Amino acid sequence: MDSQQKEGQQKSFFERMGELLNTPLPGTVSKNKSPVSPVEKRDDSILVRVKEILNTPLPGSDALDKNLAEAMLPKITEVDVQENWWEADWAAFKTHQEQDRKGLNIKQRQDQTSFAEYQEQEREQFGNYQAQEFDLFQQQQQAKLNWIQEQQLAQAAGVQVSGMIPPVAPVAPLAPEIPTPPWMRS
């Protein structure tokens, strides 16, 4: 037997396992690398070494990238491509845009309808409020006329009238609450 074989038999199981685990895998050892001198090792910081390790491509990775790219791209033959392929794509695109336009038109019509309803509701409330104010104004004017007539009758009867102060006007109603617009409702 060889001396190496004798040494291999004399080594323990764990020593042989350690040697196997610590030997580099085939293809991972660079052939162009020269041994690094202790001076160079001292000058390298850990960060520089980590960057070097991260930027070093894995062995065989360039071939893997080409194969992966070829596998991912479908194979297109002349039979698959029709002469007017761009016309079909253009027609599909125009159909898609037309559907979007129709959807927008429907949404705008719905928005216009809800806005018109809101405006009508606002108009009705404002009209009711103005009618209330007009009624109140008529009542105030009638009260003033009645008071003036009473004062004139009292003067004609010889009663001394103290100052011409009209009666207190009735309190005006508050403006109606304006409804919340549909676009502000959640």
Protein backbone atom coordinates (compact mmCIF):
# COMPACT_ATOMS: atom_id res chain seq x y z
CA MET A 1 0.00 0.00 0.00
CA ASP A 2 0.88 3.58 -0.56
CA SER A 3 1.91 5.88 2.22
CA GLN A 4 -1.15 8.05 1.53
CA GLN A 5 -3.48 5.09 1.84
CA LYS A 6 -1.83 4.10 5.11
CA GLU A 7 -2.21 7.67 6.38
CA GLY A 8 -5.86 7.68 5.24
CA GLN A 9 -6.55 4.49 7.19
CA GLN A 10 -4.82 5.83 10.26
CA LYS A 11 -6.87 9.08 10.27
CA SER A 12 -10.06 9.12 12.21
CA PHE A 13 -13.44 9.42 10.59
CA PHE A 14 -13.77 13.08 11.63
CA GLU A 15 -10.38 14.04 10.24
CA ARG A 16 -11.24 12.53 6.86
CA MET A 17 -14.67 14.24 6.96
CA GLY A 18 -12.97 17.58 7.74
CA GLU A 19 -10.65 17.20 4.77
CA LEU A 20 -13.57 16.43 2.46
CA LEU A 21 -15.58 19.38 3.68
CA ASN A 22 -12.68 21.82 3.46
CA THR A 23 -11.58 20.94 -0.06
CA PRO A 24 -12.99 23.34 -2.67
CA LEU A 25 -15.57 22.08 -5.12
CA PRO A 26 -14.39 21.41 -8.65
CA GLY A 27 -14.56 24.54 -10.79
CA THR A 28 -14.61 26.92 -7.82
CA VAL A 29 -10.87 27.37 -7.51
CA SER A 30 -9.56 30.12 -9.75
CA LYS A 31 -6.64 29.05 -11.87
CA ASN A 32 -5.25 32.58 -12.27
CA LYS A 33 -5.08 33.46 -8.59
CA SER A 34 -1.69 33.82 -7.08
CA PRO A 35 -1.23 33.18 -3.42
CA VAL A 36 -1.82 36.29 -1.33
CA SER A 37 1.11 37.44 0.69
CA PRO A 38 0.66 38.20 4.39
CA VAL A 39 1.30 41.90 3.68
CA GLU A 40 -1.62 42.05 1.24
CA LYS A 41 -3.86 40.28 3.74
CA ARG A 42 -3.17 42.88 6.37
CA ASP A 43 -3.99 45.78 4.05
CA ASP A 44 -7.40 44.41 3.01
CA SER A 45 -10.24 45.46 5.22
CA ILE A 46 -13.13 43.15 5.87
CA LEU A 47 -15.42 45.36 3.82
CA VAL A 48 -13.15 45.17 0.77
CA ARG A 49 -12.97 41.38 1.10
CA VAL A 50 -16.75 41.08 1.44
CA LYS A 51 -17.29 43.27 -1.65
CA GLU A 52 -14.82 41.14 -3.57
CA ILE A 53 -16.63 37.95 -2.58
CA LEU A 54 -20.03 39.38 -3.48
CA ASN A 55 -18.87 40.73 -6.85
CA THR A 56 -17.14 37.55 -7.94
CA PRO A 57 -19.44 35.63 -10.29
CA LEU A 58 -20.19 32.04 -9.49
CA PRO A 59 -18.45 29.51 -11.68
CA GLY A 60 -20.52 28.68 -14.73
CA SER A 61 -23.03 31.48 -14.04
CA ASP A 62 -22.59 33.13 -17.46
CA ALA A 63 -23.57 29.91 -19.23
CA LEU A 64 -26.46 29.49 -16.83
CA ASP A 65 -27.78 32.98 -17.62
CA LYS A 66 -27.78 32.29 -21.37
CA ASN A 67 -29.55 28.96 -20.92
CA LEU A 68 -32.09 30.48 -18.56
CA ALA A 69 -32.85 33.34 -20.95
CA GLU A 70 -33.32 30.91 -23.83
CA ALA A 71 -35.59 28.70 -21.71
CA MET A 72 -37.77 31.63 -20.64
CA LEU A 73 -38.25 33.13 -24.11
CA PRO A 74 -40.79 31.30 -26.23
CA LYS A 75 -39.69 30.02 -29.58
CA ILE A 76 -41.59 31.92 -32.28
CA THR A 77 -41.58 30.61 -35.78
CA GLU A 78 -42.75 32.20 -39.02
CA VAL A 79 -45.86 30.03 -38.87
CA ASP A 80 -46.80 31.62 -35.53
CA VAL A 81 -46.47 35.18 -36.85
CA GLN A 82 -49.10 36.31 -39.31
CA GLU A 83 -48.41 38.96 -41.91
CA ASN A 84 -50.92 41.36 -40.42
CA TRP A 85 -50.07 40.76 -36.74
CA TRP A 86 -49.86 44.48 -36.06
CA GLU A 87 -53.39 45.04 -37.39
CA ALA A 88 -54.77 42.51 -34.89
CA ASP A 89 -52.84 44.16 -32.06
CA TRP A 90 -54.01 47.62 -33.16
CA ALA A 91 -57.64 46.47 -33.35
CA ALA A 92 -57.44 44.95 -29.86
CA PHE A 93 -55.92 48.17 -28.52
CA LYS A 94 -58.62 50.31 -30.15
CA THR A 95 -61.33 48.03 -28.72
CA HIS A 96 -59.80 48.38 -25.27
CA GLN A 97 -59.74 52.17 -25.55
CA GLU A 98 -63.32 52.27 -26.83
CA GLN A 99 -64.48 50.24 -23.81
CA ASP A 100 -62.69 52.68 -21.51
CA ARG A 101 -64.35 55.63 -23.31
CA LYS A 102 -67.79 54.04 -22.93
CA GLY A 103 -67.15 53.43 -19.23
CA LEU A 104 -66.13 57.05 -18.73
CA ASN A 105 -69.23 58.29 -20.60
CA ILE A 106 -71.50 56.14 -18.41
CA LYS A 107 -69.81 57.42 -15.25
CA GLN A 108 -70.10 61.04 -16.40
CA ARG A 109 -73.79 60.61 -17.20
CA GLN A 110 -74.38 59.17 -13.73
CA ASP A 111 -72.44 62.05 -12.17
CA GLN A 112 -74.41 64.60 -14.20
CA THR A 113 -77.70 63.00 -13.15
CA SER A 114 -76.79 63.04 -9.46
CA PHE A 115 -75.55 66.65 -9.78
CA ALA A 116 -78.79 67.72 -11.49
CA GLU A 117 -80.79 66.04 -8.68
CA TYR A 118 -78.70 67.85 -6.10
CA GLN A 119 -79.20 71.20 -7.83
CA GLU A 120 -82.95 70.63 -8.04
CA GLN A 121 -83.11 69.77 -4.35
CA GLU A 122 -81.11 72.90 -3.54
CA ARG A 123 -83.40 75.03 -5.75
CA GLU A 124 -86.52 73.69 -3.98
CA GLN A 125 -85.11 74.36 -0.52
CA PHE A 126 -84.01 77.85 -1.50
CA GLY A 127 -87.41 78.59 -3.07
CA ASN A 128 -89.20 77.42 0.11
CA TYR A 129 -86.92 79.61 2.23
CA GLN A 130 -87.55 82.66 0.07
CA ALA A 131 -91.33 82.04 0.24
CA GLN A 132 -91.08 81.96 4.06
CA GLU A 133 -89.13 85.23 4.03
CA PHE A 134 -91.69 86.84 1.72
CA ASP A 135 -94.54 85.78 4.01
CA LEU A 136 -92.68 87.21 7.00
CA PHE A 137 -92.01 90.45 5.12
CA GLN A 138 -95.73 90.78 4.31
CA GLN A 139 -96.59 90.21 7.98
CA GLN A 140 -94.09 92.89 9.05
CA GLN A 141 -95.44 95.41 6.55
CA GLN A 142 -99.02 94.66 7.56
CA ALA A 143 -98.10 95.10 11.23
CA LYS A 144 -96.49 98.48 10.45
CA LEU A 145 -99.55 99.61 8.45
CA ASN A 146 -101.87 98.56 11.27
CA TRP A 147 -99.75 100.42 13.82
CA ILE A 148 -99.61 103.57 11.69
CA GLN A 149 -103.41 103.45 11.24
CA GLU A 150 -103.86 103.03 15.03
CA GLN A 151 -101.57 106.01 15.66
CA GLN A 152 -103.47 108.16 13.15
CA LEU A 153 -106.83 107.19 14.67
CA ALA A 154 -105.50 107.97 18.15
CA GLN A 155 -104.27 111.43 17.04
CA ALA A 156 -107.59 112.14 15.36
CA ALA A 157 -109.36 111.25 18.61
CA GLY A 158 -107.17 113.73 20.48
CA VAL A 159 -104.97 111.21 22.28
CA GLN A 160 -101.40 112.30 22.61
CA VAL A 161 -99.11 109.85 20.81
CA SER A 162 -95.66 109.25 22.24
CA GLY A 163 -93.07 108.94 19.45
CA MET A 164 -93.44 107.07 16.26
CA ILE A 165 -91.83 103.71 17.13
CA PRO A 166 -93.17 100.80 15.11
CA PRO A 167 -93.76 97.46 16.80
CA VAL A 168 -91.00 94.87 17.06
CA ALA A 169 -90.73 92.84 13.89
CA PRO A 170 -91.26 89.09 14.07
CA VAL A 171 -88.07 86.99 14.06
CA ALA A 172 -87.01 85.74 10.62
CA PRO A 173 -86.58 82.00 10.18
CA LEU A 174 -83.09 80.59 9.75
CA ALA A 175 -81.88 79.69 6.30
CA PRO A 176 -82.46 76.04 5.46
CA GLU A 177 -79.59 73.61 5.73
CA ILE A 178 -78.08 73.03 2.31
CA PRO A 179 -77.94 69.32 1.50
CA THR A 180 -74.59 67.61 1.21
CA PRO A 181 -73.57 67.26 -2.45
CA PRO A 182 -73.47 63.66 -3.74
CA TRP A 183 -69.76 63.87 -4.55
CA MET A 184 -68.98 64.72 -0.91
CA ARG A 185 -70.90 61.79 0.54
CA SER A 186 -68.85 58.72 1.31
